[in-house]
Amino acid sequence: MINGIMNTLTNLLGPSGPVIALGVFGIFLVTLTLPFILVKPKDPFDRIKNTPNNFEKRPAKASTSLNLRQNKNGPNLDKFASFLEPQDQEALSKSRLNLMRAGYRSRDAVRTFHFAQFALLSIGLVLGLIYAFIISGNTELIPIIQAVAVPVIAGYFAPIMWIKRRASQRLSELERGFPDSLDLMLVCIEAGQSLDQSINRVGMELNHSYPSLSEEYIIVSNEMRAGKDKPSVLKDFAERSGVDDIKSFVTVLVQSATFGTSIGDSLRVYAAEMRDKRIMSAEEKANKLPTKMTLSTMMFTIPPLLIMLVGPSVYQIMQNFG
């Protein structure tokens, strides 16, 4: 019986017919069982929370800031939380930190990221199967596996590469704008403003030139206004940014507040160090420039020069001996 089925599949679909049948059957089983695995059971406490006699009165309309902080697709992804979020707390914290460094601060950012991975992987699988069995019409096993594996791998790693690219761009912007922000903060503090007011003012001033850094300063200012402990707020800021200079700056502010030294004096010294560091970085790039230009100059200058100088002589020699 099994041999008859194998022969039938081979006659219908070619030499790789049994493999195709097993793959289709596996996809069918996964599609059939996936809803039962991902459906979140109803929590009895949800019904209690939604009763009219609950102690906490829910507002009729959410505020604009709340809508900006939360993702509208979050409730739709709650039922898939066990599937879309890492179960290890350390891995979850690392994923959330990477997304925050890329600029995605939503509560459901991790779920959305893994959902995008799953969706692109599925789309790549479907496109690979369509190309392998319908467009190309190849019946060999290795080309089929290659046609399916390439879009699947691309769909899985595309969100990861996008997050890394966004995080790298944002890190570069923070590094470029941080020395300027220190000078502005020093001016604000010397003008008589407090640290909270200075951070808020610097955040507003940098909105157009360095929006990512401005966003970080605004978050720090709002957390301080909310009553959160300043050292904790500053340490969270350093952790989110991932910039070594900002971590050193946070250490300076925390030590200044701990030992009672003047914040203005500490900022003045640190801002001068940052300016010197920027000058040294520019000088380092300028010193590397001649070395980088040497190879390109040799590649694009010497061959045309040799052609112009030696070319006529070579042509005459070829004519004489030809």
C-alpha atoms as a PDB file:
ATOM      1  CA  MET A   1       0.000   0.000   0.000  1.00  0.00           C
ATOM      2  CA  ILE A   2       2.779   2.395   0.938  1.00  0.00           C
ATOM      3  CA  ASN A   3       4.637   1.574  -2.256  1.00  0.00           C
ATOM      4  CA  GLY A   4       1.497   2.273  -4.252  1.00  0.00           C
ATOM      5  CA  ILE A   5       1.083   5.694  -2.615  1.00  0.00           C
ATOM      6  CA  MET A   6       4.750   6.494  -3.256  1.00  0.00           C
ATOM      7  CA  ASN A   7       4.418   5.501  -6.898  1.00  0.00           C
ATOM      8  CA  THR A   8       1.259   7.572  -7.292  1.00  0.00           C
ATOM      9  CA  LEU A   9       2.907  10.648  -5.788  1.00  0.00           C
ATOM     10  CA  THR A  10       5.963  10.136  -7.965  1.00  0.00           C
ATOM     11  CA  ASN A  11       3.847   9.903 -11.088  1.00  0.00           C
ATOM     12  CA  LEU A  12       1.841  13.002 -10.192  1.00  0.00           C
ATOM     13  CA  LEU A  13       4.524  15.302  -8.762  1.00  0.00           C
ATOM     14  CA  GLY A  14       7.767  13.886 -10.068  1.00  0.00           C
ATOM     15  CA  PRO A  15      10.712  12.271  -8.240  1.00  0.00           C
ATOM     16  CA  SER A  16      10.310  14.566  -5.205  1.00  0.00           C
ATOM     17  CA  GLY A  17       6.576  13.885  -4.933  1.00  0.00           C
ATOM     18  CA  PRO A  18       6.734  12.084  -1.543  1.00  0.00           C
ATOM     19  CA  VAL A  19       8.801  14.929  -0.047  1.00  0.00           C
ATOM     20  CA  ILE A  20       6.315  17.510  -1.333  1.00  0.00           C
ATOM     21  CA  ALA A  21       3.402  15.524   0.080  1.00  0.00           C
ATOM     22  CA  LEU A  22       5.058  15.233   3.488  1.00  0.00           C
ATOM     23  CA  GLY A  23       5.818  18.964   3.521  1.00  0.00           C
ATOM     24  CA  VAL A  24       2.244  19.911   2.631  1.00  0.00           C
ATOM     25  CA  PHE A  25       0.890  17.500   5.236  1.00  0.00           C
ATOM     26  CA  GLY A  26       3.216  18.953   7.889  1.00  0.00           C
ATOM     27  CA  ILE A  27       2.152  22.518   7.078  1.00  0.00           C
ATOM     28  CA  PHE A  28      -1.483  21.414   7.279  1.00  0.00           C
ATOM     29  CA  LEU A  29      -0.944  19.883  10.724  1.00  0.00           C
ATOM     30  CA  VAL A  30       0.875  22.982  12.001  1.00  0.00           C
ATOM     31  CA  THR A  31      -1.883  25.254  10.668  1.00  0.00           C
ATOM     32  CA  LEU A  32      -4.521  23.040  12.248  1.00  0.00           C
ATOM     33  CA  THR A  33      -2.951  22.901  15.713  1.00  0.00           C
ATOM     34  CA  LEU A  34      -1.551  26.446  15.918  1.00  0.00           C
ATOM     35  CA  PRO A  35      -4.845  28.148  16.953  1.00  0.00           C
ATOM     36  CA  PHE A  36      -5.345  25.680  19.806  1.00  0.00           C
ATOM     37  CA  ILE A  37      -1.825  26.328  21.090  1.00  0.00           C
ATOM     38  CA  LEU A  38      -1.914  30.116  20.834  1.00  0.00           C
ATOM     39  CA  VAL A  39      -5.414  30.791  22.151  1.00  0.00           C
ATOM     40  CA  LYS A  40      -5.118  32.375  25.566  1.00  0.00           C
ATOM     41  CA  PRO A  41      -7.556  30.972  28.141  1.00  0.00           C
ATOM     42  CA  LYS A  42      -9.916  33.498  29.638  1.00  0.00           C
ATOM     43  CA  ASP A  43      -8.873  34.785  33.006  1.00  0.00           C
ATOM     44  CA  PRO A  44     -11.729  34.945  35.548  1.00  0.00           C
ATOM     45  CA  PHE A  45     -10.260  38.138  36.986  1.00  0.00           C
ATOM     46  CA  ASP A  46     -10.795  39.914  33.661  1.00  0.00           C
ATOM     47  CA  ARG A  47     -14.534  39.573  34.123  1.00  0.00           C
ATOM     48  CA  ILE A  48     -14.258  41.021  37.635  1.00  0.00           C
ATOM     49  CA  LYS A  49     -12.244  43.965  36.376  1.00  0.00           C
ATOM     50  CA  ASN A  50     -14.850  44.775  33.736  1.00  0.00           C
ATOM     51  CA  THR A  51     -17.793  44.793  36.157  1.00  0.00           C
ATOM     52  CA  PRO A  52     -19.424  48.172  36.894  1.00  0.00           C
ATOM     53  CA  ASN A  53     -18.764  47.875  40.635  1.00  0.00           C
ATOM     54  CA  ASN A  54     -15.002  47.747  40.417  1.00  0.00           C
ATOM     55  CA  PHE A  55     -13.047  50.082  42.619  1.00  0.00           C
ATOM     56  CA  GLU A  56     -11.027  51.714  39.890  1.00  0.00           C
ATOM     57  CA  LYS A  57     -13.118  53.827  37.537  1.00  0.00           C
ATOM     58  CA  ARG A  58     -11.833  53.703  34.042  1.00  0.00           C
ATOM     59  CA  PRO A  59     -11.719  56.921  32.060  1.00  0.00           C
ATOM     60  CA  ALA A  60     -14.036  57.213  29.113  1.00  0.00           C
ATOM     61  CA  LYS A  61     -11.279  58.259  26.754  1.00  0.00           C
ATOM     62  CA  ALA A  62      -7.593  57.632  27.029  1.00  0.00           C
ATOM     63  CA  SER A  63      -5.346  60.638  27.033  1.00  0.00           C
ATOM     64  CA  THR A  64      -3.246  61.573  24.058  1.00  0.00           C
ATOM     65  CA  SER A  65       0.017  60.802  25.823  1.00  0.00           C
ATOM     66  CA  LEU A  66      -1.269  57.362  26.770  1.00  0.00           C
ATOM     67  CA  ASN A  67      -2.219  56.681  23.162  1.00  0.00           C
ATOM     68  CA  LEU A  68       1.239  57.721  22.099  1.00  0.00           C
ATOM     69  CA  ARG A  69       2.911  55.400  24.584  1.00  0.00           C
ATOM     70  CA  GLN A  70       0.808  52.330  23.854  1.00  0.00           C
ATOM     71  CA  ASN A  71       0.505  50.358  20.660  1.00  0.00           C
ATOM     72  CA  LYS A  72      -3.044  49.993  19.336  1.00  0.00           C
ATOM     73  CA  ASN A  73      -2.300  46.428  18.284  1.00  0.00           C
ATOM     74  CA  GLY A  74      -1.236  45.483  21.807  1.00  0.00           C
ATOM     75  CA  PRO A  75      -4.537  43.875  22.907  1.00  0.00           C
ATOM     76  CA  ASN A  76      -4.599  41.825  19.705  1.00  0.00           C
ATOM     77  CA  LEU A  77      -1.167  40.411  20.535  1.00  0.00           C
ATOM     78  CA  ASP A  78      -1.863  39.700  24.209  1.00  0.00           C
ATOM     79  CA  LYS A  79      -3.305  36.284  23.411  1.00  0.00           C
ATOM     80  CA  PHE A  80      -0.040  35.361  21.682  1.00  0.00           C
ATOM     81  CA  ALA A  81       2.212  36.659  24.471  1.00  0.00           C
ATOM     82  CA  SER A  82       3.497  33.205  25.434  1.00  0.00           C
ATOM     83  CA  PHE A  83       4.490  32.595  21.821  1.00  0.00           C
ATOM     84  CA  LEU A  84       5.778  36.058  20.851  1.00  0.00           C
ATOM     85  CA  GLU A  85       7.810  36.853  23.988  1.00  0.00           C
ATOM     86  CA  PRO A  86      10.926  35.059  25.273  1.00  0.00           C
ATOM     87  CA  GLN A  87      10.119  33.024  28.359  1.00  0.00           C
ATOM     88  CA  ASP A  88      13.514  33.742  29.897  1.00  0.00           C
ATOM     89  CA  GLN A  89      13.416  37.021  31.805  1.00  0.00           C
ATOM     90  CA  GLU A  90      17.007  37.857  30.906  1.00  0.00           C
ATOM     91  CA  ALA A  91      16.368  37.317  27.195  1.00  0.00           C
ATOM     92  CA  LEU A  92      13.181  39.385  27.428  1.00  0.00           C
ATOM     93  CA  SER A  93      15.020  42.260  29.120  1.00  0.00           C
ATOM     94  CA  LYS A  94      17.771  42.115  26.512  1.00  0.00           C
ATOM     95  CA  SER A  95      15.267  42.197  23.647  1.00  0.00           C
ATOM     96  CA  ARG A  96      13.417  45.119  25.214  1.00  0.00           C
ATOM     97  CA  LEU A  97      16.689  47.015  25.733  1.00  0.00           C
ATOM     98  CA  ASN A  98      17.745  46.473  22.110  1.00  0.00           C
ATOM     99  CA  LEU A  99      14.388  47.754  20.881  1.00  0.00           C
ATOM    100  CA  MET A 100      14.568  50.772  23.180  1.00  0.00           C
ATOM    101  CA  ARG A 101      18.023  51.605  21.871  1.00  0.00           C
ATOM    102  CA  ALA A 102      16.554  51.466  18.374  1.00  0.00           C
ATOM    103  CA  GLY A 103      13.825  53.931  19.407  1.00  0.00           C
ATOM    104  CA  TYR A 104      10.901  51.534  19.953  1.00  0.00           C
ATOM    105  CA  ARG A 105       9.622  52.141  23.486  1.00  0.00           C
ATOM    106  CA  SER A 106       6.147  50.653  23.272  1.00  0.00           C
ATOM    107  CA  ARG A 107       5.068  48.155  25.903  1.00  0.00           C
ATOM    108  CA  ASP A 108       4.314  45.673  23.134  1.00  0.00           C
ATOM    109  CA  ALA A 109       7.491  46.315  21.134  1.00  0.00           C
ATOM    110  CA  VAL A 110       8.942  42.862  21.857  1.00  0.00           C
ATOM    111  CA  ARG A 111       5.727  41.128  20.799  1.00  0.00           C
ATOM    112  CA  THR A 112       5.464  43.228  17.659  1.00  0.00           C
ATOM    113  CA  PHE A 113       9.081  42.489  16.773  1.00  0.00           C
ATOM    114  CA  HIS A 114       8.688  38.724  17.116  1.00  0.00           C
ATOM    115  CA  PHE A 115       5.347  38.869  15.310  1.00  0.00           C
ATOM    116  CA  ALA A 116       7.069  40.650  12.411  1.00  0.00           C
ATOM    117  CA  GLN A 117       9.708  37.919  12.385  1.00  0.00           C
ATOM    118  CA  PHE A 118       7.053  35.196  12.327  1.00  0.00           C
ATOM    119  CA  ALA A 119       5.001  36.965   9.636  1.00  0.00           C
ATOM    120  CA  LEU A 120       7.969  37.610   7.335  1.00  0.00           C
ATOM    121  CA  LEU A 121       9.196  34.053   7.852  1.00  0.00           C
ATOM    122  CA  SER A 122       5.776  32.706   6.868  1.00  0.00           C
ATOM    123  CA  ILE A 123       5.583  34.984   3.833  1.00  0.00           C
ATOM    124  CA  GLY A 124       9.062  33.889   2.783  1.00  0.00           C
ATOM    125  CA  LEU A 125       8.054  30.249   3.173  1.00  0.00           C
ATOM    126  CA  VAL A 126       4.968  30.731   1.002  1.00  0.00           C
ATOM    127  CA  LEU A 127       6.881  32.661  -1.661  1.00  0.00           C
ATOM    128  CA  GLY A 128       9.638  30.057  -1.676  1.00  0.00           C
ATOM    129  CA  LEU A 129       7.146  27.229  -2.122  1.00  0.00           C
ATOM    130  CA  ILE A 130       5.383  29.095  -4.922  1.00  0.00           C
ATOM    131  CA  TYR A 131       8.660  29.751  -6.708  1.00  0.00           C
ATOM    132  CA  ALA A 132       9.953  26.200  -6.213  1.00  0.00           C
ATOM    133  CA  PHE A 133       6.857  24.297  -7.330  1.00  0.00           C
ATOM    134  CA  ILE A 134       4.995  26.674  -9.654  1.00  0.00           C
ATOM    135  CA  ILE A 135       7.376  29.167 -11.236  1.00  0.00           C
ATOM    136  CA  SER A 136      10.615  27.209 -11.600  1.00  0.00           C
ATOM    137  CA  GLY A 137       9.060  23.756 -11.913  1.00  0.00           C
ATOM    138  CA  ASN A 138      12.235  22.141 -10.610  1.00  0.00           C
ATOM    139  CA  THR A 139      11.779  18.620  -9.225  1.00  0.00           C
ATOM    140  CA  GLU A 140      15.208  18.116  -7.646  1.00  0.00           C
ATOM    141  CA  LEU A 141      15.389  18.214  -3.861  1.00  0.00           C
ATOM    142  CA  ILE A 142      18.419  20.482  -3.344  1.00  0.00           C
ATOM    143  CA  PRO A 143      17.183  23.361  -5.588  1.00  0.00           C
ATOM    144  CA  ILE A 144      13.791  23.156  -3.862  1.00  0.00           C
ATOM    145  CA  ILE A 145      15.406  23.409  -0.425  1.00  0.00           C
ATOM    146  CA  GLN A 146      17.514  26.355  -1.586  1.00  0.00           C
ATOM    147  CA  ALA A 147      14.518  28.144  -3.084  1.00  0.00           C
ATOM    148  CA  VAL A 148      12.576  27.754   0.168  1.00  0.00           C
ATOM    149  CA  ALA A 149      15.430  28.374   2.617  1.00  0.00           C
ATOM    150  CA  VAL A 150      16.640  31.676   1.151  1.00  0.00           C
ATOM    151  CA  PRO A 151      13.393  33.692   1.583  1.00  0.00           C
ATOM    152  CA  VAL A 152      12.727  32.045   4.963  1.00  0.00           C
ATOM    153  CA  ILE A 153      16.153  33.033   6.294  1.00  0.00           C
ATOM    154  CA  ALA A 154      15.807  36.517   4.790  1.00  0.00           C
ATOM    155  CA  GLY A 155      12.390  36.983   6.390  1.00  0.00           C
ATOM    156  CA  TYR A 156      13.677  35.880   9.789  1.00  0.00           C
ATOM    157  CA  PHE A 157      16.793  38.047   9.839  1.00  0.00           C
ATOM    158  CA  ALA A 158      15.310  41.145   8.141  1.00  0.00           C
ATOM    159  CA  PRO A 159      13.779  42.567  11.383  1.00  0.00           C
ATOM    160  CA  ILE A 160      17.012  41.845  13.268  1.00  0.00           C
ATOM    161  CA  MET A 161      19.097  43.718  10.708  1.00  0.00           C
ATOM    162  CA  TRP A 162      16.601  46.588  10.687  1.00  0.00           C
ATOM    163  CA  ILE A 163      16.781  46.934  14.485  1.00  0.00           C
ATOM    164  CA  LYS A 164      20.583  46.838  14.421  1.00  0.00           C
ATOM    165  CA  ARG A 165      20.659  49.497  11.702  1.00  0.00           C
ATOM    166  CA  ARG A 166      18.251  51.766  13.581  1.00  0.00           C
ATOM    167  CA  ALA A 167      20.188  51.304  16.820  1.00  0.00           C
ATOM    168  CA  SER A 168      23.479  52.113  15.083  1.00  0.00           C
ATOM    169  CA  GLN A 169      22.063  55.285  13.516  1.00  0.00           C
ATOM    170  CA  ARG A 170      20.570  56.370  16.816  1.00  0.00           C
ATOM    171  CA  LEU A 171      23.807  55.672  18.695  1.00  0.00           C
ATOM    172  CA  SER A 172      25.728  57.775  16.183  1.00  0.00           C
ATOM    173  CA  GLU A 173      23.260  60.635  16.615  1.00  0.00           C
ATOM    174  CA  LEU A 174      23.557  60.489  20.405  1.00  0.00           C
ATOM    175  CA  GLU A 175      27.350  60.547  20.210  1.00  0.00           C
ATOM    176  CA  ARG A 176      27.320  63.542  17.857  1.00  0.00           C
ATOM    177  CA  GLY A 177      24.858  65.595  19.836  1.00  0.00           C
ATOM    178  CA  PHE A 178      25.941  64.868  23.387  1.00  0.00           C
ATOM    179  CA  PRO A 179      28.870  67.369  23.565  1.00  0.00           C
ATOM    180  CA  ASP A 180      26.609  70.174  22.311  1.00  0.00           C
ATOM    181  CA  SER A 181      23.962  69.241  24.860  1.00  0.00           C
ATOM    182  CA  LEU A 182      26.524  69.481  27.662  1.00  0.00           C
ATOM    183  CA  ASP A 183      27.417  73.039  26.638  1.00  0.00           C
ATOM    184  CA  LEU A 184      23.733  74.000  26.570  1.00  0.00           C
ATOM    185  CA  MET A 185      23.150  72.371  29.943  1.00  0.00           C
ATOM    186  CA  LEU A 186      26.113  74.207  31.430  1.00  0.00           C
ATOM    187  CA  VAL A 187      24.742  77.530  30.165  1.00  0.00           C
ATOM    188  CA  CYS A 188      21.327  76.763  31.677  1.00  0.00           C
ATOM    189  CA  ILE A 189      22.778  75.792  35.062  1.00  0.00           C
ATOM    190  CA  GLU A 190      25.032  78.843  35.196  1.00  0.00           C
ATOM    191  CA  ALA A 191      21.963  80.963  34.397  1.00  0.00           C
ATOM    192  CA  GLY A 192      20.369  79.759  37.645  1.00  0.00           C
ATOM    193  CA  GLN A 193      18.172  76.891  36.513  1.00  0.00           C
ATOM    194  CA  SER A 194      18.020  73.607  38.381  1.00  0.00           C
ATOM    195  CA  LEU A 195      19.167  70.315  36.911  1.00  0.00           C
ATOM    196  CA  ASP A 196      15.588  69.268  36.100  1.00  0.00           C
ATOM    197  CA  GLN A 197      14.843  72.542  34.341  1.00  0.00           C
ATOM    198  CA  SER A 198      18.152  72.440  32.471  1.00  0.00           C
ATOM    199  CA  ILE A 199      17.537  68.919  31.173  1.00  0.00           C
ATOM    200  CA  ASN A 200      14.030  69.870  30.060  1.00  0.00           C
ATOM    201  CA  ARG A 201      15.249  73.029  28.319  1.00  0.00           C
ATOM    202  CA  VAL A 202      18.090  71.195  26.572  1.00  0.00           C
ATOM    203  CA  GLY A 203      15.619  68.554  25.412  1.00  0.00           C
ATOM    204  CA  MET A 204      13.406  71.210  23.845  1.00  0.00           C
ATOM    205  CA  GLU A 205      16.318  73.049  22.227  1.00  0.00           C
ATOM    206  CA  LEU A 206      17.706  69.888  20.606  1.00  0.00           C
ATOM    207  CA  ASN A 207      14.380  68.825  19.130  1.00  0.00           C
ATOM    208  CA  HIS A 208      15.270  69.799  15.558  1.00  0.00           C
ATOM    209  CA  SER A 209      19.011  69.114  15.488  1.00  0.00           C
ATOM    210  CA  TYR A 210      19.194  65.858  17.464  1.00  0.00           C
ATOM    211  CA  PRO A 211      15.667  64.455  17.903  1.00  0.00           C
ATOM    212  CA  SER A 212      16.773  61.156  19.463  1.00  0.00           C
ATOM    213  CA  LEU A 213      18.844  62.885  22.132  1.00  0.00           C
ATOM    214  CA  SER A 214      16.041  65.382  22.693  1.00  0.00           C
ATOM    215  CA  GLU A 215      13.628  62.514  23.254  1.00  0.00           C
ATOM    216  CA  GLU A 216      15.943  60.969  25.840  1.00  0.00           C
ATOM    217  CA  TYR A 217      16.278  64.244  27.740  1.00  0.00           C
ATOM    218  CA  ILE A 218      12.513  64.765  27.712  1.00  0.00           C
ATOM    219  CA  ILE A 219      12.000  61.267  29.129  1.00  0.00           C
ATOM    220  CA  VAL A 220      14.527  61.965  31.885  1.00  0.00           C
ATOM    221  CA  SER A 221      12.815  65.263  32.697  1.00  0.00           C
ATOM    222  CA  ASN A 222       9.361  63.681  32.839  1.00  0.00           C
ATOM    223  CA  GLU A 223      10.563  60.859  35.088  1.00  0.00           C
ATOM    224  CA  MET A 224      12.155  63.357  37.465  1.00  0.00           C
ATOM    225  CA  ARG A 225       8.953  65.394  37.557  1.00  0.00           C
ATOM    226  CA  ALA A 226       7.012  62.237  38.334  1.00  0.00           C
ATOM    227  CA  GLY A 227       9.043  61.849  41.523  1.00  0.00           C
ATOM    228  CA  LYS A 228      11.309  59.005  40.526  1.00  0.00           C
ATOM    229  CA  ASP A 229      14.689  58.830  42.206  1.00  0.00           C
ATOM    230  CA  LYS A 230      17.209  60.923  40.254  1.00  0.00           C
ATOM    231  CA  PRO A 231      20.106  58.431  40.386  1.00  0.00           C
ATOM    232  CA  SER A 232      17.780  55.705  39.104  1.00  0.00           C
ATOM    233  CA  VAL A 233      16.505  57.962  36.312  1.00  0.00           C
ATOM    234  CA  LEU A 234      20.023  58.896  35.238  1.00  0.00           C
ATOM    235  CA  LYS A 235      21.238  55.292  35.345  1.00  0.00           C
ATOM    236  CA  ASP A 236      18.268  54.203  33.232  1.00  0.00           C
ATOM    237  CA  PHE A 237      19.141  56.968  30.788  1.00  0.00           C
ATOM    238  CA  ALA A 238      22.713  55.695  30.527  1.00  0.00           C
ATOM    239  CA  GLU A 239      21.521  52.115  30.083  1.00  0.00           C
ATOM    240  CA  ARG A 240      19.050  53.064  27.335  1.00  0.00           C
ATOM    241  CA  SER A 241      21.541  55.148  25.400  1.00  0.00           C
ATOM    242  CA  GLY A 242      24.423  52.680  25.311  1.00  0.00           C
ATOM    243  CA  VAL A 243      26.922  55.559  24.919  1.00  0.00           C
ATOM    244  CA  ASP A 244      30.041  55.440  27.091  1.00  0.00           C
ATOM    245  CA  ASP A 245      30.238  59.231  27.342  1.00  0.00           C
ATOM    246  CA  ILE A 246      26.689  59.406  28.680  1.00  0.00           C
ATOM    247  CA  LYS A 247      27.496  56.701  31.240  1.00  0.00           C
ATOM    248  CA  SER A 248      30.479  58.745  32.422  1.00  0.00           C
ATOM    249  CA  PHE A 249      28.299  61.860  32.529  1.00  0.00           C
ATOM    250  CA  VAL A 250      25.733  60.059  34.682  1.00  0.00           C
ATOM    251  CA  THR A 251      28.501  58.898  37.017  1.00  0.00           C
ATOM    252  CA  VAL A 252      29.701  62.494  37.365  1.00  0.00           C
ATOM    253  CA  LEU A 253      26.206  63.744  38.232  1.00  0.00           C
ATOM    254  CA  VAL A 254      25.549  60.946  40.730  1.00  0.00           C
ATOM    255  CA  GLN A 255      28.874  61.477  42.474  1.00  0.00           C
ATOM    256  CA  SER A 256      28.329  65.229  42.500  1.00  0.00           C
ATOM    257  CA  ALA A 257      24.952  64.772  44.187  1.00  0.00           C
ATOM    258  CA  THR A 258      26.363  62.193  46.615  1.00  0.00           C
ATOM    259  CA  PHE A 259      29.354  64.226  47.801  1.00  0.00           C
ATOM    260  CA  GLY A 260      27.623  67.604  47.625  1.00  0.00           C
ATOM    261  CA  THR A 261      29.897  69.223  45.051  1.00  0.00           C
ATOM    262  CA  SER A 262      28.735  71.872  42.620  1.00  0.00           C
ATOM    263  CA  ILE A 263      26.989  70.469  39.550  1.00  0.00           C
ATOM    264  CA  GLY A 264      28.042  73.519  37.536  1.00  0.00           C
ATOM    265  CA  ASP A 265      31.737  72.980  38.265  1.00  0.00           C
ATOM    266  CA  SER A 266      31.467  69.270  37.470  1.00  0.00           C
ATOM    267  CA  LEU A 267      29.671  70.007  34.208  1.00  0.00           C
ATOM    268  CA  ARG A 268      32.212  72.663  33.257  1.00  0.00           C
ATOM    269  CA  VAL A 269      35.112  70.254  33.681  1.00  0.00           C
ATOM    270  CA  TYR A 270      33.331  67.406  31.916  1.00  0.00           C
ATOM    271  CA  ALA A 271      32.175  69.640  29.037  1.00  0.00           C
ATOM    272  CA  ALA A 272      35.770  70.797  28.533  1.00  0.00           C
ATOM    273  CA  GLU A 273      36.891  67.161  28.441  1.00  0.00           C
ATOM    274  CA  MET A 274      34.211  66.363  25.868  1.00  0.00           C
ATOM    275  CA  ARG A 275      35.335  69.266  23.678  1.00  0.00           C
ATOM    276  CA  ASP A 276      38.929  68.066  23.893  1.00  0.00           C
ATOM    277  CA  LYS A 277      37.774  64.546  23.042  1.00  0.00           C
ATOM    278  CA  ARG A 278      35.899  65.830  19.992  1.00  0.00           C
ATOM    279  CA  ILE A 279      38.981  67.733  18.817  1.00  0.00           C
ATOM    280  CA  MET A 280      41.157  64.653  19.324  1.00  0.00           C
ATOM    281  CA  SER A 281      38.676  62.542  17.372  1.00  0.00           C
ATOM    282  CA  ALA A 282      38.732  65.033  14.494  1.00  0.00           C
ATOM    283  CA  GLU A 283      42.537  65.086  14.531  1.00  0.00           C
ATOM    284  CA  GLU A 284      42.628  61.286  14.526  1.00  0.00           C
ATOM    285  CA  LYS A 285      40.377  61.145  11.468  1.00  0.00           C
ATOM    286  CA  ALA A 286      42.501  63.797   9.748  1.00  0.00           C
ATOM    287  CA  ASN A 287      45.694  61.836  10.449  1.00  0.00           C
ATOM    288  CA  LYS A 288      44.152  58.653   9.028  1.00  0.00           C
ATOM    289  CA  LEU A 289      43.062  60.399   5.853  1.00  0.00           C
ATOM    290  CA  PRO A 290      46.457  60.436   4.017  1.00  0.00           C
ATOM    291  CA  THR A 291      46.898  56.712   4.646  1.00  0.00           C
ATOM    292  CA  LYS A 292      43.447  55.968   3.287  1.00  0.00           C
ATOM    293  CA  MET A 293      44.016  58.168   0.244  1.00  0.00           C
ATOM    294  CA  THR A 294      47.362  56.586  -0.656  1.00  0.00           C
ATOM    295  CA  LEU A 295      45.919  53.327  -1.956  1.00  0.00           C
ATOM    296  CA  SER A 296      43.133  55.001  -3.916  1.00  0.00           C
ATOM    297  CA  THR A 297      45.585  57.517  -5.373  1.00  0.00           C
ATOM    298  CA  MET A 298      47.877  54.718  -6.523  1.00  0.00           C
ATOM    299  CA  MET A 299      44.993  52.732  -8.013  1.00  0.00           C
ATOM    300  CA  PHE A 300      43.442  55.604  -9.968  1.00  0.00           C
ATOM    301  CA  THR A 301      46.538  57.667 -10.850  1.00  0.00           C
ATOM    302  CA  ILE A 302      49.431  55.317 -11.652  1.00  0.00           C
ATOM    303  CA  PRO A 303      47.674  53.038 -14.221  1.00  0.00           C
ATOM    304  CA  PRO A 304      46.504  55.924 -16.464  1.00  0.00           C
ATOM    305  CA  LEU A 305      49.942  57.539 -16.143  1.00  0.00           C
ATOM    306  CA  LEU A 306      51.665  54.322 -17.217  1.00  0.00           C
ATOM    307  CA  ILE A 307      49.278  53.956 -20.136  1.00  0.00           C
ATOM    308  CA  MET A 308      50.031  57.490 -21.326  1.00  0.00           C
ATOM    309  CA  LEU A 309      53.810  57.144 -20.920  1.00  0.00           C
ATOM    310  CA  VAL A 310      54.432  53.560 -21.967  1.00  0.00           C
ATOM    311  CA  GLY A 311      51.491  53.071 -24.328  1.00  0.00           C
ATOM    312  CA  PRO A 312      52.979  54.760 -27.427  1.00  0.00           C
ATOM    313  CA  SER A 313      56.284  52.914 -27.034  1.00  0.00           C
ATOM    314  CA  VAL A 314      54.531  49.575 -26.684  1.00  0.00           C
ATOM    315  CA  TYR A 315      52.440  50.348 -29.760  1.00  0.00           C
ATOM    316  CA  GLN A 316      55.516  51.210 -31.836  1.00  0.00           C
ATOM    317  CA  ILE A 317      57.305  48.036 -30.714  1.00  0.00           C
ATOM    318  CA  MET A 318      54.280  45.953 -31.658  1.00  0.00           C
ATOM    319  CA  GLN A 319      54.143  47.642 -35.061  1.00  0.00           C
ATOM    320  CA  ASN A 320      57.854  47.046 -35.713  1.00  0.00           C
ATOM    321  CA  PHE A 321      57.793  43.372 -34.727  1.00  0.00           C
ATOM    322  CA  GLY A 322      54.365  42.726 -36.185  1.00  0.00           C
END
